Amino acid sequence: MGVETVIDRDCPPSSLSNVLPINQIVCGNHLTILSSWRNNCVDLTITSPPYDNLRDYKGYNFNFKSLAEQLYQITKEGGIVVWVVGDATVKGSETGTSFKQALYFKSVGFNLHDTMIYSKAGFSHPAKNRYHQTFEYMFVFSKGRPKTFNPIRDRKNKWGAPWGKITSRAKDGSLKEVKREIKNSEYGQRWNIWHYSTGKGNHTRDEIAYEHPAIFPEKLAHDHILSWSNIGDIVLDPMCGSGTTCKEAKKLYRNYIGIDIADEYCKIAQQRLRS
């Protein structure tokens, strides 16, 4: 799957601005770039924004509200945005940035389809007066009803059928026995808390990727791409950093578009995709 520029069939051409940079890393301001695209062009976005000044991104920052609005415009009906974000603790109180952003996504028209957890196995922010912090949120926003869901079934079942009777609790709180066929299965559908080993050597084996100050595991991007898109779909990361989302999209035969404002990060992403 080489680098090319194509016109998406769902984005009828009327000017050069309708040509999407398919399978490319684009260096520039994502708001400027996205504003030149036609509406309803992207199937899936996976990204992790800078939040609460936890990392230094060469002095760059971003306008969150404008980006959320742009993402709604360019996302296809039934498309998905996966937003990986956490919160800093300032003067003993968590900022709540993640929830504020989630509510704003809803206000511009997205559905909050799922609130998922990215659990970082083997990693924590130690604290003396509370439990160690070991996770980030993965908000899954949908534009209308999701058009694609390919559930990952890798949760080992302990038993082929549950113990005792199958019951369902009614609205008034009473229990009612439910009769249904039990199908024995070795593996069940994954739950919405995803566990990944983190740190150098676990996120990726690409040494150059660690020149970026904040990367997430390749497997995280891989699993979301599998879940919410199909072969040939367009996968976007508007703050692509070291290019993890784009790399995994390419491996899974999706079309990718990566955008980053920092030239040095664009070069890292391009190198990872070439290799």
C-alpha atoms as a PDB file:
ATOM      1  CA  MET A   1       0.000   0.000   0.000  1.00  0.00           C
ATOM      2  CA  GLY A   2       2.023   2.929  -1.250  1.00  0.00           C
ATOM      3  CA  VAL A   3       1.789   6.635  -0.590  1.00  0.00           C
ATOM      4  CA  GLU A   4      -0.798   8.233  -2.834  1.00  0.00           C
ATOM      5  CA  THR A   5      -3.407  10.965  -3.022  1.00  0.00           C
ATOM      6  CA  VAL A   6      -6.936   9.853  -3.898  1.00  0.00           C
ATOM      7  CA  ILE A   7     -10.401  11.356  -3.970  1.00  0.00           C
ATOM      8  CA  ASP A   8     -12.734   9.576  -1.570  1.00  0.00           C
ATOM      9  CA  ARG A   9     -15.937   8.405  -3.263  1.00  0.00           C
ATOM     10  CA  ASP A  10     -18.020   9.910  -0.448  1.00  0.00           C
ATOM     11  CA  CYS A  11     -16.413  13.308  -0.927  1.00  0.00           C
ATOM     12  CA  PRO A  12     -17.374  14.409  -4.460  1.00  0.00           C
ATOM     13  CA  PRO A  13     -14.664  16.627  -5.983  1.00  0.00           C
ATOM     14  CA  SER A  14     -15.425  20.264  -6.641  1.00  0.00           C
ATOM     15  CA  SER A  15     -11.982  21.738  -5.999  1.00  0.00           C
ATOM     16  CA  LEU A  16      -8.470  20.707  -5.054  1.00  0.00           C
ATOM     17  CA  SER A  17      -9.461  21.039  -1.394  1.00  0.00           C
ATOM     18  CA  ASN A  18     -11.437  17.812  -1.766  1.00  0.00           C
ATOM     19  CA  VAL A  19      -8.335  15.746  -2.459  1.00  0.00           C
ATOM     20  CA  LEU A  20      -7.518  13.827   0.698  1.00  0.00           C
ATOM     21  CA  PRO A  21      -3.857  13.096   1.526  1.00  0.00           C
ATOM     22  CA  ILE A  22      -4.481   9.368   1.717  1.00  0.00           C
ATOM     23  CA  ASN A  23      -1.608   7.293   3.147  1.00  0.00           C
ATOM     24  CA  GLN A  24       0.462  10.344   3.964  1.00  0.00           C
ATOM     25  CA  ILE A  25       1.834  12.157   6.995  1.00  0.00           C
ATOM     26  CA  VAL A  26       1.008  15.842   6.623  1.00  0.00           C
ATOM     27  CA  CYS A  27       3.020  18.421   8.559  1.00  0.00           C
ATOM     28  CA  GLY A  28       0.951  21.448   9.519  1.00  0.00           C
ATOM     29  CA  ASN A  29      -1.845  22.844  11.663  1.00  0.00           C
ATOM     30  CA  HIS A  30      -4.640  20.277  11.799  1.00  0.00           C
ATOM     31  CA  LEU A  31      -7.365  22.941  12.004  1.00  0.00           C
ATOM     32  CA  THR A  32      -6.195  24.535   8.762  1.00  0.00           C
ATOM     33  CA  ILE A  33      -5.832  21.187   7.043  1.00  0.00           C
ATOM     34  CA  LEU A  34      -9.134  19.689   8.209  1.00  0.00           C
ATOM     35  CA  SER A  35     -11.068  22.847   7.321  1.00  0.00           C
ATOM     36  CA  SER A  36     -10.167  22.290   3.648  1.00  0.00           C
ATOM     37  CA  TRP A  37     -11.818  18.843   3.572  1.00  0.00           C
ATOM     38  CA  ARG A  38     -15.387  18.105   2.621  1.00  0.00           C
ATOM     39  CA  ASN A  39     -17.788  16.862   5.282  1.00  0.00           C
ATOM     40  CA  ASN A  40     -18.281  13.138   5.980  1.00  0.00           C
ATOM     41  CA  CYS A  41     -14.937  11.878   4.697  1.00  0.00           C
ATOM     42  CA  VAL A  42     -13.348   9.940   7.594  1.00  0.00           C
ATOM     43  CA  ASP A  43     -14.442   6.571   8.979  1.00  0.00           C
ATOM     44  CA  LEU A  44     -12.374   6.464  12.174  1.00  0.00           C
ATOM     45  CA  THR A  45     -10.220   8.858  14.161  1.00  0.00           C
ATOM     46  CA  ILE A  46      -7.883   7.637  16.904  1.00  0.00           C
ATOM     47  CA  THR A  47      -5.825  10.212  18.743  1.00  0.00           C
ATOM     48  CA  SER A  48      -4.496  11.283  22.112  1.00  0.00           C
ATOM     49  CA  PRO A  49      -4.382  15.053  22.663  1.00  0.00           C
ATOM     50  CA  PRO A  50      -1.924  16.949  24.825  1.00  0.00           C
ATOM     51  CA  TYR A  51      -3.740  17.690  28.073  1.00  0.00           C
ATOM     52  CA  ASP A  52      -3.086  19.619  31.290  1.00  0.00           C
ATOM     53  CA  ASN A  53       0.502  20.475  30.253  1.00  0.00           C
ATOM     54  CA  LEU A  54       1.732  17.043  31.345  1.00  0.00           C
ATOM     55  CA  ARG A  55       4.209  16.983  28.440  1.00  0.00           C
ATOM     56  CA  ASP A  56       6.216  19.598  26.552  1.00  0.00           C
ATOM     57  CA  TYR A  57       5.349  19.364  22.857  1.00  0.00           C
ATOM     58  CA  LYS A  58       7.997  21.804  21.597  1.00  0.00           C
ATOM     59  CA  GLY A  59       5.832  24.668  22.802  1.00  0.00           C
ATOM     60  CA  TYR A  60       2.878  23.742  20.579  1.00  0.00           C
ATOM     61  CA  ASN A  61      -0.693  23.716  21.854  1.00  0.00           C
ATOM     62  CA  PHE A  62      -4.090  23.089  20.325  1.00  0.00           C
ATOM     63  CA  ASN A  63      -7.584  24.538  20.294  1.00  0.00           C
ATOM     64  CA  PHE A  64      -9.641  21.652  21.636  1.00  0.00           C
ATOM     65  CA  LYS A  65     -13.118  23.029  20.923  1.00  0.00           C
ATOM     66  CA  SER A  66     -12.333  23.907  17.320  1.00  0.00           C
ATOM     67  CA  LEU A  67     -10.846  20.450  16.755  1.00  0.00           C
ATOM     68  CA  ALA A  68     -13.913  18.702  18.224  1.00  0.00           C
ATOM     69  CA  GLU A  69     -16.146  20.712  15.906  1.00  0.00           C
ATOM     70  CA  GLN A  70     -13.953  19.945  12.884  1.00  0.00           C
ATOM     71  CA  LEU A  71     -13.956  16.224  13.705  1.00  0.00           C
ATOM     72  CA  TYR A  72     -17.735  16.183  13.780  1.00  0.00           C
ATOM     73  CA  GLN A  73     -17.883  17.770  10.332  1.00  0.00           C
ATOM     74  CA  ILE A  74     -15.431  15.391   8.657  1.00  0.00           C
ATOM     75  CA  THR A  75     -16.591  12.162  10.349  1.00  0.00           C
ATOM     76  CA  LYS A  76     -18.902  10.016   8.238  1.00  0.00           C
ATOM     77  CA  GLU A  77     -22.368   9.172   9.511  1.00  0.00           C
ATOM     78  CA  GLY A  78     -21.804   6.123  11.702  1.00  0.00           C
ATOM     79  CA  GLY A  79     -18.108   6.942  12.066  1.00  0.00           C
ATOM     80  CA  ILE A  80     -16.134   6.823  15.298  1.00  0.00           C
ATOM     81  CA  VAL A  81     -13.682   9.043  17.180  1.00  0.00           C
ATOM     82  CA  VAL A  82     -11.528   7.368  19.855  1.00  0.00           C
ATOM     83  CA  TRP A  83     -10.182  10.020  22.242  1.00  0.00           C
ATOM     84  CA  VAL A  84      -7.469   8.796  24.653  1.00  0.00           C
ATOM     85  CA  VAL A  85      -7.081  11.249  27.517  1.00  0.00           C
ATOM     86  CA  GLY A  86      -6.384  11.551  31.240  1.00  0.00           C
ATOM     87  CA  ASP A  87      -6.275  14.175  33.974  1.00  0.00           C
ATOM     88  CA  ALA A  88      -3.529  15.907  35.883  1.00  0.00           C
ATOM     89  CA  THR A  89      -3.771  16.520  39.616  1.00  0.00           C
ATOM     90  CA  VAL A  90      -3.342  20.184  40.534  1.00  0.00           C
ATOM     91  CA  LYS A  91      -3.271  21.296  44.179  1.00  0.00           C
ATOM     92  CA  GLY A  92      -4.735  18.007  45.327  1.00  0.00           C
ATOM     93  CA  SER A  93      -7.631  17.945  42.839  1.00  0.00           C
ATOM     94  CA  GLU A  94      -7.926  16.220  39.482  1.00  0.00           C
ATOM     95  CA  THR A  95      -8.630  18.692  36.694  1.00  0.00           C
ATOM     96  CA  GLY A  96     -11.543  16.803  35.154  1.00  0.00           C
ATOM     97  CA  THR A  97     -10.278  17.784  31.703  1.00  0.00           C
ATOM     98  CA  SER A  98     -11.265  14.373  30.321  1.00  0.00           C
ATOM     99  CA  PHE A  99     -14.915  14.747  31.339  1.00  0.00           C
ATOM    100  CA  LYS A 100     -15.101  18.363  30.179  1.00  0.00           C
ATOM    101  CA  GLN A 101     -13.866  17.291  26.769  1.00  0.00           C
ATOM    102  CA  ALA A 102     -16.271  14.343  26.613  1.00  0.00           C
ATOM    103  CA  LEU A 103     -19.223  16.602  27.379  1.00  0.00           C
ATOM    104  CA  TYR A 104     -18.123  19.067  24.718  1.00  0.00           C
ATOM    105  CA  PHE A 105     -17.971  16.283  22.126  1.00  0.00           C
ATOM    106  CA  LYS A 106     -21.585  15.519  23.032  1.00  0.00           C
ATOM    107  CA  SER A 107     -22.547  19.171  22.718  1.00  0.00           C
ATOM    108  CA  VAL A 108     -21.301  19.354  19.112  1.00  0.00           C
ATOM    109  CA  GLY A 109     -23.392  16.325  18.116  1.00  0.00           C
ATOM    110  CA  PHE A 110     -21.438  13.155  18.919  1.00  0.00           C
ATOM    111  CA  ASN A 111     -22.887  10.305  20.960  1.00  0.00           C
ATOM    112  CA  LEU A 112     -20.758   9.069  23.847  1.00  0.00           C
ATOM    113  CA  HIS A 113     -20.908   5.475  22.655  1.00  0.00           C
ATOM    114  CA  ASP A 114     -18.596   4.010  25.315  1.00  0.00           C
ATOM    115  CA  THR A 115     -16.349   5.144  28.134  1.00  0.00           C
ATOM    116  CA  MET A 116     -13.457   2.721  28.032  1.00  0.00           C
ATOM    117  CA  ILE A 117     -10.387   2.367  30.239  1.00  0.00           C
ATOM    118  CA  TYR A 118      -6.772   2.030  29.119  1.00  0.00           C
ATOM    119  CA  SER A 119      -5.167   0.221  32.056  1.00  0.00           C
ATOM    120  CA  LYS A 120      -1.378   0.514  32.152  1.00  0.00           C
ATOM    121  CA  ALA A 121       0.004  -2.751  33.474  1.00  0.00           C
ATOM    122  CA  GLY A 122       3.229  -2.229  35.389  1.00  0.00           C
ATOM    123  CA  PHE A 123       2.922   1.577  35.441  1.00  0.00           C
ATOM    124  CA  SER A 124       1.605   4.026  38.009  1.00  0.00           C
ATOM    125  CA  HIS A 125       1.787   7.576  39.295  1.00  0.00           C
ATOM    126  CA  PRO A 126       2.622   6.938  42.981  1.00  0.00           C
ATOM    127  CA  ALA A 127       0.578   8.838  45.552  1.00  0.00           C
ATOM    128  CA  LYS A 128       0.785   9.004  49.342  1.00  0.00           C
ATOM    129  CA  ASN A 129      -2.823   9.849  50.139  1.00  0.00           C
ATOM    130  CA  ARG A 130      -4.762   7.931  47.461  1.00  0.00           C
ATOM    131  CA  TYR A 131      -4.456   4.832  45.289  1.00  0.00           C
ATOM    132  CA  HIS A 132      -1.813   4.865  42.577  1.00  0.00           C
ATOM    133  CA  GLN A 133      -3.031   6.174  39.238  1.00  0.00           C
ATOM    134  CA  THR A 134      -2.731   3.529  36.513  1.00  0.00           C
ATOM    135  CA  PHE A 135      -5.195   4.338  33.722  1.00  0.00           C
ATOM    136  CA  GLU A 136      -6.476   6.779  31.115  1.00  0.00           C
ATOM    137  CA  TYR A 137      -9.898   7.097  29.516  1.00  0.00           C
ATOM    138  CA  MET A 138     -10.631   6.013  25.974  1.00  0.00           C
ATOM    139  CA  PHE A 139     -13.831   7.821  25.050  1.00  0.00           C
ATOM    140  CA  VAL A 140     -15.528   6.302  22.015  1.00  0.00           C
ATOM    141  CA  PHE A 141     -17.688   8.903  20.259  1.00  0.00           C
ATOM    142  CA  SER A 142     -20.005   8.007  17.394  1.00  0.00           C
ATOM    143  CA  LYS A 143     -21.686  10.185  14.806  1.00  0.00           C
ATOM    144  CA  GLY A 144     -25.090   8.584  14.995  1.00  0.00           C
ATOM    145  CA  ARG A 145     -25.274   4.837  15.319  1.00  0.00           C
ATOM    146  CA  PRO A 146     -21.883   3.144  14.709  1.00  0.00           C
ATOM    147  CA  LYS A 147     -21.809   1.558  11.269  1.00  0.00           C
ATOM    148  CA  THR A 148     -19.021  -0.879  12.194  1.00  0.00           C
ATOM    149  CA  PHE A 149     -18.322  -2.996  15.237  1.00  0.00           C
ATOM    150  CA  ASN A 150     -16.031  -5.994  14.974  1.00  0.00           C
ATOM    151  CA  PRO A 151     -15.847  -7.255  18.573  1.00  0.00           C
ATOM    152  CA  ILE A 152     -12.585  -8.777  19.722  1.00  0.00           C
ATOM    153  CA  ARG A 153     -13.185 -12.157  21.351  1.00  0.00           C
ATOM    154  CA  ASP A 154     -10.093 -12.993  23.362  1.00  0.00           C
ATOM    155  CA  ARG A 155     -11.461 -13.191  26.918  1.00  0.00           C
ATOM    156  CA  LYS A 156     -10.939 -16.711  28.182  1.00  0.00           C
ATOM    157  CA  ASN A 157     -14.162 -18.097  29.633  1.00  0.00           C
ATOM    158  CA  LYS A 158     -13.803 -19.921  32.949  1.00  0.00           C
ATOM    159  CA  TRP A 159     -16.862 -22.067  32.376  1.00  0.00           C
ATOM    160  CA  GLY A 160     -19.003 -22.951  29.415  1.00  0.00           C
ATOM    161  CA  ALA A 161     -22.160 -21.910  31.273  1.00  0.00           C
ATOM    162  CA  PRO A 162     -22.838 -19.860  34.429  1.00  0.00           C
ATOM    163  CA  TRP A 163     -23.548 -21.474  37.784  1.00  0.00           C
ATOM    164  CA  GLY A 164     -27.175 -21.816  38.800  1.00  0.00           C
ATOM    165  CA  LYS A 165     -30.134 -20.241  37.027  1.00  0.00           C
ATOM    166  CA  ILE A 166     -30.025 -17.335  34.606  1.00  0.00           C
ATOM    167  CA  THR A 167     -31.941 -14.405  36.020  1.00  0.00           C
ATOM    168  CA  SER A 168     -32.825 -10.886  34.948  1.00  0.00           C
ATOM    169  CA  ARG A 169     -33.726  -8.047  37.313  1.00  0.00           C
ATOM    170  CA  ALA A 170     -36.928  -6.158  36.461  1.00  0.00           C
ATOM    171  CA  LYS A 171     -37.431  -2.412  36.820  1.00  0.00           C
ATOM    172  CA  ASP A 172     -39.099  -2.905  40.214  1.00  0.00           C
ATOM    173  CA  GLY A 173     -36.052  -4.811  41.455  1.00  0.00           C
ATOM    174  CA  SER A 174     -37.540  -8.297  41.353  1.00  0.00           C
ATOM    175  CA  LEU A 175     -35.650 -11.235  39.871  1.00  0.00           C
ATOM    176  CA  LYS A 176     -37.065 -13.227  37.001  1.00  0.00           C
ATOM    177  CA  GLU A 177     -35.729 -16.506  35.644  1.00  0.00           C
ATOM    178  CA  VAL A 178     -34.790 -16.265  31.975  1.00  0.00           C
ATOM    179  CA  LYS A 179     -34.843 -19.265  29.685  1.00  0.00           C
ATOM    180  CA  ARG A 180     -32.291 -19.148  26.892  1.00  0.00           C
ATOM    181  CA  GLU A 181     -29.907 -21.428  25.112  1.00  0.00           C
ATOM    182  CA  ILE A 182     -26.388 -21.511  26.537  1.00  0.00           C
ATOM    183  CA  LYS A 183     -23.684 -21.905  23.927  1.00  0.00           C
ATOM    184  CA  ASN A 184     -20.374 -23.164  25.207  1.00  0.00           C
ATOM    185  CA  SER A 185     -17.522 -20.997  23.961  1.00  0.00           C
ATOM    186  CA  GLU A 186     -13.854 -21.014  24.871  1.00  0.00           C
ATOM    187  CA  TYR A 187     -13.533 -17.249  24.381  1.00  0.00           C
ATOM    188  CA  GLY A 188     -15.968 -14.443  25.062  1.00  0.00           C
ATOM    189  CA  GLN A 189     -16.218 -10.850  23.900  1.00  0.00           C
ATOM    190  CA  ARG A 190     -13.666  -8.561  25.492  1.00  0.00           C
ATOM    191  CA  TRP A 191     -14.771  -6.158  28.218  1.00  0.00           C
ATOM    192  CA  ASN A 192     -14.255  -2.394  27.915  1.00  0.00           C
ATOM    193  CA  ILE A 193     -11.237  -2.217  30.237  1.00  0.00           C
ATOM    194  CA  TRP A 194      -8.174  -2.958  28.114  1.00  0.00           C
ATOM    195  CA  HIS A 195      -4.877  -3.869  29.769  1.00  0.00           C
ATOM    196  CA  TYR A 196      -1.541  -3.143  28.091  1.00  0.00           C
ATOM    197  CA  SER A 197       2.036  -3.448  29.245  1.00  0.00           C
ATOM    198  CA  THR A 198       3.658  -0.025  29.006  1.00  0.00           C
ATOM    199  CA  GLY A 199       7.088   1.516  28.968  1.00  0.00           C
ATOM    200  CA  LYS A 200      10.030   1.229  26.635  1.00  0.00           C
ATOM    201  CA  GLY A 201      10.015  -2.015  24.702  1.00  0.00           C
ATOM    202  CA  ASN A 202       6.315  -2.565  25.368  1.00  0.00           C
ATOM    203  CA  HIS A 203       4.692   0.309  23.487  1.00  0.00           C
ATOM    204  CA  THR A 204       6.698  -0.523  20.374  1.00  0.00           C
ATOM    205  CA  ARG A 205      10.021  -1.969  19.285  1.00  0.00           C
ATOM    206  CA  ASP A 206      10.655   1.079  17.079  1.00  0.00           C
ATOM    207  CA  GLU A 207      13.470   2.805  18.933  1.00  0.00           C
ATOM    208  CA  ILE A 208      12.898   6.097  17.118  1.00  0.00           C
ATOM    209  CA  ALA A 209       9.326   6.343  18.434  1.00  0.00           C
ATOM    210  CA  TYR A 210      10.614   7.087  21.938  1.00  0.00           C
ATOM    211  CA  GLU A 211      11.957  10.430  20.710  1.00  0.00           C
ATOM    212  CA  HIS A 212       8.343  11.561  21.070  1.00  0.00           C
ATOM    213  CA  PRO A 213       7.434  12.467  24.694  1.00  0.00           C
ATOM    214  CA  ALA A 214       4.137  10.561  24.858  1.00  0.00           C
ATOM    215  CA  ILE A 215       3.221   7.473  22.865  1.00  0.00           C
ATOM    216  CA  PHE A 216       0.569   4.839  23.406  1.00  0.00           C
ATOM    217  CA  PRO A 217       0.958   1.110  22.705  1.00  0.00           C
ATOM    218  CA  GLU A 218       0.727  -0.061  19.118  1.00  0.00           C
ATOM    219  CA  LYS A 219      -1.646  -2.782  20.325  1.00  0.00           C
ATOM    220  CA  LEU A 220      -4.080  -0.159  21.637  1.00  0.00           C
ATOM    221  CA  ALA A 221      -4.338   1.485  18.219  1.00  0.00           C
ATOM    222  CA  HIS A 222      -4.428  -1.930  16.543  1.00  0.00           C
ATOM    223  CA  ASP A 223      -7.362  -3.128  18.651  1.00  0.00           C
ATOM    224  CA  HIS A 224      -9.443   0.014  18.089  1.00  0.00           C
ATOM    225  CA  ILE A 225      -8.815  -0.077  14.337  1.00  0.00           C
ATOM    226  CA  LEU A 226      -9.947  -3.705  14.243  1.00  0.00           C
ATOM    227  CA  SER A 227     -13.035  -2.903  16.315  1.00  0.00           C
ATOM    228  CA  TRP A 228     -14.373   0.210  14.582  1.00  0.00           C
ATOM    229  CA  SER A 229     -13.267   0.008  10.938  1.00  0.00           C
ATOM    230  CA  ASN A 230     -13.000  -2.296   7.944  1.00  0.00           C
ATOM    231  CA  ILE A 231     -10.366  -2.910   5.276  1.00  0.00           C
ATOM    232  CA  GLY A 232     -10.108   0.115   2.986  1.00  0.00           C
ATOM    233  CA  ASP A 233     -11.614   2.583   5.487  1.00  0.00           C
ATOM    234  CA  ILE A 234      -9.940   5.919   6.190  1.00  0.00           C
ATOM    235  CA  VAL A 235      -8.292   6.203   9.616  1.00  0.00           C
ATOM    236  CA  LEU A 236      -7.172   9.644  10.816  1.00  0.00           C
ATOM    237  CA  ASP A 237      -4.890  10.844  13.584  1.00  0.00           C
ATOM    238  CA  PRO A 238      -4.896  14.681  13.594  1.00  0.00           C
ATOM    239  CA  MET A 239      -2.145  14.789  16.241  1.00  0.00           C
ATOM    240  CA  CYS A 240      -0.240  11.765  15.032  1.00  0.00           C
ATOM    241  CA  GLY A 241       3.028  12.343  16.902  1.00  0.00           C
ATOM    242  CA  SER A 242       5.268   9.338  16.293  1.00  0.00           C
ATOM    243  CA  GLY A 243       2.738   7.789  13.890  1.00  0.00           C
ATOM    244  CA  THR A 244       1.455   4.813  15.911  1.00  0.00           C
ATOM    245  CA  THR A 245      -2.144   5.011  14.656  1.00  0.00           C
ATOM    246  CA  CYS A 246      -1.019   5.368  11.044  1.00  0.00           C
ATOM    247  CA  LYS A 247       1.427   2.477  11.301  1.00  0.00           C
ATOM    248  CA  GLU A 248      -1.222   0.120  12.661  1.00  0.00           C
ATOM    249  CA  ALA A 249      -3.781   1.275  10.089  1.00  0.00           C
ATOM    250  CA  LYS A 250      -1.332   0.448   7.307  1.00  0.00           C
ATOM    251  CA  LYS A 251      -0.659  -3.009   8.781  1.00  0.00           C
ATOM    252  CA  LEU A 252      -4.404  -3.687   8.866  1.00  0.00           C
ATOM    253  CA  TYR A 253      -4.958  -2.575   5.241  1.00  0.00           C
ATOM    254  CA  ARG A 254      -6.776   0.622   6.113  1.00  0.00           C
ATOM    255  CA  ASN A 255      -6.008   3.961   4.492  1.00  0.00           C
ATOM    256  CA  TYR A 256      -4.376   6.365   6.929  1.00  0.00           C
ATOM    257  CA  ILE A 257      -3.910  10.107   7.266  1.00  0.00           C
ATOM    258  CA  GLY A 258      -1.601  11.539   9.917  1.00  0.00           C
ATOM    259  CA  ILE A 259      -1.246  15.221  10.764  1.00  0.00           C
ATOM    260  CA  ASP A 260       1.209  16.860  13.124  1.00  0.00           C
ATOM    261  CA  ILE A 261       2.393  20.435  13.479  1.00  0.00           C
ATOM    262  CA  ALA A 262       5.938  19.495  14.544  1.00  0.00           C
ATOM    263  CA  ASP A 263       8.254  18.718  11.653  1.00  0.00           C
ATOM    264  CA  GLU A 264      10.478  16.503  13.821  1.00  0.00           C
ATOM    265  CA  TYR A 265       7.527  14.305  14.819  1.00  0.00           C
ATOM    266  CA  CYS A 266       6.347  14.043  11.209  1.00  0.00           C
ATOM    267  CA  LYS A 267       9.791  12.753  10.247  1.00  0.00           C
ATOM    268  CA  ILE A 268       9.634  10.115  13.016  1.00  0.00           C
ATOM    269  CA  ALA A 269       6.215   8.955  11.798  1.00  0.00           C
ATOM    270  CA  GLN A 270       7.353   8.829   8.174  1.00  0.00           C
ATOM    271  CA  GLN A 271      10.398   6.792   9.099  1.00  0.00           C
ATOM    272  CA  ARG A 272       8.319   4.283  11.065  1.00  0.00           C
ATOM    273  CA  LEU A 273       5.916   3.860   8.154  1.00  0.00           C
ATOM    274  CA  ARG A 274       8.743   3.323   5.682  1.00  0.00           C
ATOM    275  CA  SER A 275      10.257   0.587   7.834  1.00  0.00           C
END
